[in-house]
All heavy atoms as atom14 arrays in JSON, in Angstrom:
{
  "sequence": "TNSDGSDSIAIRHTGVLSLTWDHRVFDGSIALLFLN",
  "atom14_mask": [
    [1, 1, 1, 1, 1, 1, 1, 0, 0, 0, 0, 0, 0, 0],
    [1, 1, 1, 1, 1, 1, 1, 1, 0, 0, 0, 0, 0, 0],
    [1, 1, 1, 1, 1, 1, 0, 0, 0, 0, 0, 0, 0, 0],
    [1, 1, 1, 1, 1, 1, 1, 1, 0, 0, 0, 0, 0, 0],
    [1, 1, 1, 1, 0, 0, 0, 0, 0, 0, 0, 0, 0, 0],
    [1, 1, 1, 1, 1, 1, 0, 0, 0, 0, 0, 0, 0, 0],
    [1, 1, 1, 1, 1, 1, 1, 1, 0, 0, 0, 0, 0, 0],
    [1, 1, 1, 1, 1, 1, 0, 0, 0, 0, 0, 0, 0, 0],
    [1, 1, 1, 1, 1, 1, 1, 1, 0, 0, 0, 0, 0, 0],
    [1, 1, 1, 1, 1, 0, 0, 0, 0, 0, 0, 0, 0, 0],
    [1, 1, 1, 1, 1, 1, 1, 1, 0, 0, 0, 0, 0, 0],
    [1, 1, 1, 1, 1, 1, 1, 1, 1, 1, 1, 0, 0, 0],
    [1, 1, 1, 1, 1, 1, 1, 1, 1, 1, 0, 0, 0, 0],
    [1, 1, 1, 1, 1, 1, 1, 0, 0, 0, 0, 0, 0, 0],
    [1, 1, 1, 1, 0, 0, 0, 0, 0, 0, 0, 0, 0, 0],
    [1, 1, 1, 1, 1, 1, 1, 0, 0, 0, 0, 0, 0, 0],
    [1, 1, 1, 1, 1, 1, 1, 1, 0, 0, 0, 0, 0, 0],
    [1, 1, 1, 1, 1, 1, 0, 0, 0, 0, 0, 0, 0, 0],
    [1, 1, 1, 1, 1, 1, 1, 1, 0, 0, 0, 0, 0, 0],
    [1, 1, 1, 1, 1, 1, 1, 0, 0, 0, 0, 0, 0, 0],
    [1, 1, 1, 1, 1, 1, 1, 1, 1, 1, 1, 1, 1, 1],
    [1, 1, 1, 1, 1, 1, 1, 1, 0, 0, 0, 0, 0, 0],
    [1, 1, 1, 1, 1, 1, 1, 1, 1, 1, 0, 0, 0, 0],
    [1, 1, 1, 1, 1, 1, 1, 1, 1, 1, 1, 0, 0, 0],
    [1, 1, 1, 1, 1, 1, 1, 0, 0, 0, 0, 0, 0, 0],
    [1, 1, 1, 1, 1, 1, 1, 1, 1, 1, 1, 0, 0, 0],
    [1, 1, 1, 1, 1, 1, 1, 1, 0, 0, 0, 0, 0, 0],
    [1, 1, 1, 1, 0, 0, 0, 0, 0, 0, 0, 0, 0, 0],
    [1, 1, 1, 1, 1, 1, 0, 0, 0, 0, 0, 0, 0, 0],
    [1, 1, 1, 1, 1, 1, 1, 1, 0, 0, 0, 0, 0, 0],
    [1, 1, 1, 1, 1, 0, 0, 0, 0, 0, 0, 0, 0, 0],
    [1, 1, 1, 1, 1, 1, 1, 1, 0, 0, 0, 0, 0, 0],
    [1, 1, 1, 1, 1, 1, 1, 1, 0, 0, 0, 0, 0, 0],
    [1, 1, 1, 1, 1, 1, 1, 1, 1, 1, 1, 0, 0, 0],
    [1, 1, 1, 1, 1, 1, 1, 1, 0, 0, 0, 0, 0, 0],
    [1, 1, 1, 1, 1, 1, 1, 1, 0, 0, 0, 0, 0, 0]
  ],
  "atom14_positions": [
    [[-1.13, 6.15, -3.37], [-1.98, 5.57, -4.42], [-2.97, 6.63, -4.86], [-3.7, 7.2, -4.07], [-2.7, 4.34, -3.9], [-1.77, 3.36, -3.42], [-3.58, 3.74, -4.95], [0.0, 0.0, 0.0], [0.0, 0.0, 0.0], [0.0, 0.0, 0.0], [0.0, 0.0, 0.0], [0.0, 0.0, 0.0], [0.0, 0.0, 0.0], [0.0, 0.0, 0.0]],
    [[-3.0, 6.89, -6.15], [-3.92, 7.92, -6.69], [-5.31, 7.34, -6.85], [-5.51, 6.15, -6.65], [-3.36, 8.37, -8.08], [-1.96, 8.93, -7.97], [-1.7, 9.76, -7.09], [-1.11, 8.52, -8.89], [0.0, 0.0, 0.0], [0.0, 0.0, 0.0], [0.0, 0.0, 0.0], [0.0, 0.0, 0.0], [0.0, 0.0, 0.0], [0.0, 0.0, 0.0]],
    [[-6.25, 8.22, -7.11], [-7.64, 7.83, -7.23], [-7.9, 6.82, -8.36], [-8.84, 6.01, -8.29], [-8.54, 9.06, -7.47], [-8.13, 9.81, -8.67], [0.0, 0.0, 0.0], [0.0, 0.0, 0.0], [0.0, 0.0, 0.0], [0.0, 0.0, 0.0], [0.0, 0.0, 0.0], [0.0, 0.0, 0.0], [0.0, 0.0, 0.0], [0.0, 0.0, 0.0]],
    [[-7.09, 6.84, -9.38], [-7.25, 5.85, -10.47], [-6.5, 4.57, -10.24], [-6.43, 3.7, -11.14], [-6.72, 6.48, -11.83], [-5.24, 6.89, -11.78], [-4.55, 6.67, -10.71], [-4.71, 7.36, -12.77], [0.0, 0.0, 0.0], [0.0, 0.0, 0.0], [0.0, 0.0, 0.0], [0.0, 0.0, 0.0], [0.0, 0.0, 0.0], [0.0, 0.0, 0.0]],
    [[-5.88, 4.42, -9.01], [-5.18, 3.18, -8.67], [-3.71, 3.2, -8.95], [-2.99, 2.22, -8.58], [0.0, 0.0, 0.0], [0.0, 0.0, 0.0], [0.0, 0.0, 0.0], [0.0, 0.0, 0.0], [0.0, 0.0, 0.0], [0.0, 0.0, 0.0], [0.0, 0.0, 0.0], [0.0, 0.0, 0.0], [0.0, 0.0, 0.0], [0.0, 0.0, 0.0]],
    [[-3.19, 4.22, -9.66], [-1.78, 4.27, -9.96], [-0.95, 4.8, -8.77], [-1.55, 5.41, -7.88], [-1.55, 5.14, -11.17], [-1.99, 6.54, -10.9], [0.0, 0.0, 0.0], [0.0, 0.0, 0.0], [0.0, 0.0, 0.0], [0.0, 0.0, 0.0], [0.0, 0.0, 0.0], [0.0, 0.0, 0.0], [0.0, 0.0, 0.0], [0.0, 0.0, 0.0]],
    [[0.27, 4.58, -8.78], [1.18, 5.02, -7.71], [1.96, 6.25, -8.16], [2.36, 6.39, -9.32], [2.12, 3.92, -7.26], [1.37, 2.8, -6.61], [0.27, 3.02, -6.01], [1.89, 1.65, -6.62], [0.0, 0.0, 0.0], [0.0, 0.0, 0.0], [0.0, 0.0, 0.0], [0.0, 0.0, 0.0], [0.0, 0.0, 0.0], [0.0, 0.0, 0.0]],
    [[2.31, 7.09, -7.21], [3.21, 8.21, -7.49], [3.96, 8.57, -6.17], [3.6, 8.14, -5.05], [2.38, 9.38, -7.96], [1.45, 9.84, -6.99], [0.0, 0.0, 0.0], [0.0, 0.0, 0.0], [0.0, 0.0, 0.0], [0.0, 0.0, 0.0], [0.0, 0.0, 0.0], [0.0, 0.0, 0.0], [0.0, 0.0, 0.0], [0.0, 0.0, 0.0]],
    [[5.01, 9.38, -6.35], [5.79, 9.78, -5.21], [5.4, 11.24, -4.85], [5.32, 12.09, -5.73], [7.34, 9.71, -5.47], [7.71, 8.28, -5.73], [8.09, 10.29, -4.37], [9.13, 8.08, -6.07], [0.0, 0.0, 0.0], [0.0, 0.0, 0.0], [0.0, 0.0, 0.0], [0.0, 0.0, 0.0], [0.0, 0.0, 0.0], [0.0, 0.0, 0.0]],
    [[5.12, 11.44, -3.56], [4.73, 12.77, -3.13], [5.51, 13.19, -1.84], [6.02, 12.28, -1.15], [3.23, 12.8, -2.83], [0.0, 0.0, 0.0], [0.0, 0.0, 0.0], [0.0, 0.0, 0.0], [0.0, 0.0, 0.0], [0.0, 0.0, 0.0], [0.0, 0.0, 0.0], [0.0, 0.0, 0.0], [0.0, 0.0, 0.0], [0.0, 0.0, 0.0]],
    [[5.61, 14.45, -1.58], [6.23, 14.97, -0.4], [5.13, 15.17, 0.66], [4.24, 15.97, 0.46], [6.97, 16.27, -0.64], [8.02, 16.13, -1.74], [7.63, 16.79, 0.7], [9.07, 15.11, -1.4], [0.0, 0.0, 0.0], [0.0, 0.0, 0.0], [0.0, 0.0, 0.0], [0.0, 0.0, 0.0], [0.0, 0.0, 0.0], [0.0, 0.0, 0.0]],
    [[5.23, 14.44, 1.77], [4.16, 14.46, 2.81], [4.79, 14.6, 4.17], [5.94, 14.22, 4.38], [3.33, 13.2, 2.78], [2.89, 12.77, 1.4], [1.62, 13.06, 0.97], [0.51, 12.67, 1.77], [-0.75, 12.86, 1.42], [-1.02, 13.49, 0.28], [-1.78, 12.47, 2.15], [0.0, 0.0, 0.0], [0.0, 0.0, 0.0], [0.0, 0.0, 0.0]],
    [[3.99, 15.14, 5.11], [4.42, 15.18, 6.52], [4.14, 13.81, 7.18], [2.99, 13.38, 7.23], [3.67, 16.28, 7.26], [4.1, 17.68, 6.94], [3.62, 18.35, 5.88], [4.95, 18.51, 7.6], [4.18, 19.55, 5.82], [4.95, 19.67, 6.88], [0.0, 0.0, 0.0], [0.0, 0.0, 0.0], [0.0, 0.0, 0.0], [0.0, 0.0, 0.0]],
    [[5.2, 13.13, 7.55], [5.01, 11.83, 8.15], [5.82, 11.68, 9.44], [6.77, 12.48, 9.7], [5.47, 10.66, 7.22], [6.9, 10.72, 6.99], [4.73, 10.76, 5.89], [0.0, 0.0, 0.0], [0.0, 0.0, 0.0], [0.0, 0.0, 0.0], [0.0, 0.0, 0.0], [0.0, 0.0, 0.0], [0.0, 0.0, 0.0], [0.0, 0.0, 0.0]],
    [[5.49, 10.74, 10.26], [6.25, 10.47, 11.49], [5.89, 9.11, 12.05], [4.88, 8.52, 11.65], [0.0, 0.0, 0.0], [0.0, 0.0, 0.0], [0.0, 0.0, 0.0], [0.0, 0.0, 0.0], [0.0, 0.0, 0.0], [0.0, 0.0, 0.0], [0.0, 0.0, 0.0], [0.0, 0.0, 0.0], [0.0, 0.0, 0.0], [0.0, 0.0, 0.0]],
    [[6.7, 8.65, 12.95], [6.49, 7.32, 13.58], [5.83, 7.45, 14.95], [6.13, 8.38, 15.66], [7.82, 6.54, 13.7], [7.69, 5.25, 14.43], [8.41, 6.32, 12.3], [0.0, 0.0, 0.0], [0.0, 0.0, 0.0], [0.0, 0.0, 0.0], [0.0, 0.0, 0.0], [0.0, 0.0, 0.0], [0.0, 0.0, 0.0], [0.0, 0.0, 0.0]],
    [[4.96, 6.55, 15.24], [4.43, 6.37, 16.62], [4.92, 5.04, 17.12], [4.82, 4.01, 16.52], [2.9, 6.38, 16.68], [2.19, 7.75, 16.41], [0.74, 7.56, 16.45], [2.66, 8.8, 17.4], [0.0, 0.0, 0.0], [0.0, 0.0, 0.0], [0.0, 0.0, 0.0], [0.0, 0.0, 0.0], [0.0, 0.0, 0.0], [0.0, 0.0, 0.0]],
    [[5.56, 5.08, 18.37], [6.11, 3.84, 18.96], [5.41, 3.5, 20.25], [5.29, 4.4, 21.12], [7.63, 4.08, 19.21], [8.29, 4.47, 18.09], [0.0, 0.0, 0.0], [0.0, 0.0, 0.0], [0.0, 0.0, 0.0], [0.0, 0.0, 0.0], [0.0, 0.0, 0.0], [0.0, 0.0, 0.0], [0.0, 0.0, 0.0], [0.0, 0.0, 0.0]],
    [[5.0, 2.26, 20.36], [4.32, 1.82, 21.58], [5.18, 0.79, 22.27], [5.52, -0.27, 21.73], [2.95, 1.24, 21.26], [2.12, 0.81, 22.48], [1.54, 1.99, 23.17], [0.96, -0.14, 22.01], [0.0, 0.0, 0.0], [0.0, 0.0, 0.0], [0.0, 0.0, 0.0], [0.0, 0.0, 0.0], [0.0, 0.0, 0.0], [0.0, 0.0, 0.0]],
    [[5.6, 1.08, 23.53], [6.21, 0.08, 24.38], [5.15, -0.51, 25.27], [4.46, 0.24, 25.95], [7.34, 0.68, 25.22], [8.35, 1.28, 24.38], [7.99, -0.4, 26.09], [0.0, 0.0, 0.0], [0.0, 0.0, 0.0], [0.0, 0.0, 0.0], [0.0, 0.0, 0.0], [0.0, 0.0, 0.0], [0.0, 0.0, 0.0], [0.0, 0.0, 0.0]],
    [[4.98, -1.8, 25.25], [3.92, -2.48, 25.95], [4.35, -3.69, 26.72], [5.47, -4.29, 26.47], [2.75, -2.83, 24.94], [3.25, -3.54, 23.69], [3.82, -2.97, 22.61], [3.2, -4.96, 23.44], [4.15, -3.97, 21.64], [3.73, -5.18, 22.16], [2.77, -6.06, 24.13], [3.86, -6.41, 21.58], [2.87, -7.34, 23.58], [3.41, -7.51, 22.28]],
    [[3.55, -4.14, 27.66], [3.91, -5.24, 28.56], [3.32, -6.56, 27.97], [2.12, -6.76, 27.96], [3.32, -4.97, 29.94], [3.81, -5.98, 31.0], [4.38, -7.01, 30.62], [3.66, -5.67, 32.18], [0.0, 0.0, 0.0], [0.0, 0.0, 0.0], [0.0, 0.0, 0.0], [0.0, 0.0, 0.0], [0.0, 0.0, 0.0], [0.0, 0.0, 0.0]],
    [[4.25, -7.42, 27.52], [3.83, -8.65, 26.85], [3.17, -9.61, 27.87], [2.57, -10.61, 27.44], [5.04, -9.31, 26.18], [4.67, -10.11, 24.96], [3.45, -10.76, 24.82], [5.34, -10.38, 23.81], [3.44, -11.39, 23.61], [4.52, -11.17, 23.03], [0.0, 0.0, 0.0], [0.0, 0.0, 0.0], [0.0, 0.0, 0.0], [0.0, 0.0, 0.0]],
    [[3.32, -9.4, 29.12], [2.6, -10.22, 30.15], [1.05, -10.02, 30.04], [0.27, -10.89, 30.38], [3.03, -9.92, 31.55], [4.54, -10.07, 31.84], [4.8, -9.61, 33.28], [4.27, -8.28, 33.52], [3.98, -7.77, 34.73], [4.16, -8.52, 35.78], [3.49, -6.55, 34.8], [0.0, 0.0, 0.0], [0.0, 0.0, 0.0], [0.0, 0.0, 0.0]],
    [[0.69, -8.77, 29.6], [-0.73, -8.37, 29.69], [-1.5, -8.64, 28.38], [-2.64, -9.03, 28.42], [-0.82, -6.87, 30.09], [-2.27, -6.42, 30.31], [0.03, -6.58, 31.27], [0.0, 0.0, 0.0], [0.0, 0.0, 0.0], [0.0, 0.0, 0.0], [0.0, 0.0, 0.0], [0.0, 0.0, 0.0], [0.0, 0.0, 0.0], [0.0, 0.0, 0.0]],
    [[-0.89, -8.34, 27.22], [-1.51, -8.62, 25.94], [-0.48, -8.92, 24.93], [0.75, -8.86, 25.18], [-2.4, -7.41, 25.51], [-1.73, -6.07, 25.48], [-1.06, -5.62, 24.4], [-1.83, -5.22, 26.57], [-0.46, -4.42, 24.3], [-1.22, -3.96, 26.55], [-0.52, -3.56, 25.43], [0.0, 0.0, 0.0], [0.0, 0.0, 0.0], [0.0, 0.0, 0.0]],
    [[-0.94, -9.17, 23.72], [-0.07, -9.68, 22.64], [0.07, -8.63, 21.55], [-0.58, -7.59, 21.55], [-0.52, -11.0, 22.08], [-0.62, -12.09, 23.18], [0.27, -12.18, 24.0], [-1.64, -12.81, 23.2], [0.0, 0.0, 0.0], [0.0, 0.0, 0.0], [0.0, 0.0, 0.0], [0.0, 0.0, 0.0], [0.0, 0.0, 0.0], [0.0, 0.0, 0.0]],
    [[0.96, -8.97, 20.56], [1.25, -8.02, 19.52], [0.05, -7.61, 18.64], [0.0, -6.47, 18.15], [0.0, 0.0, 0.0], [0.0, 0.0, 0.0], [0.0, 0.0, 0.0], [0.0, 0.0, 0.0], [0.0, 0.0, 0.0], [0.0, 0.0, 0.0], [0.0, 0.0, 0.0], [0.0, 0.0, 0.0], [0.0, 0.0, 0.0], [0.0, 0.0, 0.0]],
    [[-0.96, -8.49, 18.59], [-2.17, -8.12, 17.77], [-2.87, -6.94, 18.34], [-3.3, -6.02, 17.62], [-3.12, -9.33, 17.67], [-3.47, -9.78, 18.97], [0.0, 0.0, 0.0], [0.0, 0.0, 0.0], [0.0, 0.0, 0.0], [0.0, 0.0, 0.0], [0.0, 0.0, 0.0], [0.0, 0.0, 0.0], [0.0, 0.0, 0.0], [0.0, 0.0, 0.0]],
    [[-3.06, -6.92, 19.71], [-3.71, -5.77, 20.32], [-2.85, -4.53, 20.18], [-3.36, -3.42, 19.94], [-3.97, -6.1, 21.81], [-5.08, -7.16, 21.93], [-4.39, -4.81, 22.58], [-5.48, -7.55, 23.34], [0.0, 0.0, 0.0], [0.0, 0.0, 0.0], [0.0, 0.0, 0.0], [0.0, 0.0, 0.0], [0.0, 0.0, 0.0], [0.0, 0.0, 0.0]],
    [[-1.54, -4.63, 20.36], [-0.67, -3.5, 20.2], [-0.8, -2.87, 18.85], [-0.87, -1.66, 18.71], [0.8, -3.94, 20.49], [0.0, 0.0, 0.0], [0.0, 0.0, 0.0], [0.0, 0.0, 0.0], [0.0, 0.0, 0.0], [0.0, 0.0, 0.0], [0.0, 0.0, 0.0], [0.0, 0.0, 0.0], [0.0, 0.0, 0.0], [0.0, 0.0, 0.0]],
    [[-0.81, -3.72, 17.8], [-0.9, -3.17, 16.42], [-2.28, -2.62, 16.14], [-2.43, -1.61, 15.41], [-0.51, -4.3, 15.45], [1.01, -4.51, 15.31], [1.27, -5.79, 14.58], [1.62, -3.34, 14.55], [0.0, 0.0, 0.0], [0.0, 0.0, 0.0], [0.0, 0.0, 0.0], [0.0, 0.0, 0.0], [0.0, 0.0, 0.0], [0.0, 0.0, 0.0]],
    [[-3.31, -3.31, 16.61], [-4.67, -2.82, 16.42], [-4.83, -1.43, 17.08], [-5.46, -0.51, 16.55], [-5.71, -3.81, 16.95], [-5.9, -5.07, 16.1], [-6.73, -6.07, 16.83], [-6.56, -4.74, 14.74], [0.0, 0.0, 0.0], [0.0, 0.0, 0.0], [0.0, 0.0, 0.0], [0.0, 0.0, 0.0], [0.0, 0.0, 0.0], [0.0, 0.0, 0.0]],
    [[-4.24, -1.33, 18.29], [-4.3, -0.09, 19.01], [-3.57, 1.02, 18.27], [-4.16, 2.18, 18.1], [-3.66, -0.32, 20.41], [-3.59, 0.92, 21.31], [-4.68, 1.39, 22.0], [-2.42, 1.65, 21.4], [-4.62, 2.5, 22.83], [-2.32, 2.77, 22.2], [-3.44, 3.21, 22.9], [0.0, 0.0, 0.0], [0.0, 0.0, 0.0], [0.0, 0.0, 0.0]],
    [[-2.37, 0.77, 17.81], [-1.62, 1.76, 17.06], [-2.28, 2.19, 15.78], [-2.28, 3.37, 15.39], [-0.16, 1.24, 16.78], [0.79, 1.35, 17.92], [2.1, 0.64, 17.56], [1.15, 2.83, 18.25], [0.0, 0.0, 0.0], [0.0, 0.0, 0.0], [0.0, 0.0, 0.0], [0.0, 0.0, 0.0], [0.0, 0.0, 0.0], [0.0, 0.0, 0.0]],
    [[-2.8, 1.21, 15.05], [-3.48, 1.52, 13.8], [-4.79, 2.24, 13.94], [-5.16, 3.04, 13.07], [-3.73, 0.21, 12.98], [-2.43, -0.26, 12.25], [-1.96, 0.42, 11.34], [-1.91, -1.4, 12.66], [0.0, 0.0, 0.0], [0.0, 0.0, 0.0], [0.0, 0.0, 0.0], [0.0, 0.0, 0.0], [0.0, 0.0, 0.0], [0.0, 0.0, 0.0]]
  ]
}
């Protein structure tokens, strides 16, 4: 998203972060808040 609110396609360095977590201890909301 550009500064004027429009969208464009760009070449960027990106990658995925994966979290394996124990659902006995906490729920998906905490997992996603933690990752974000």
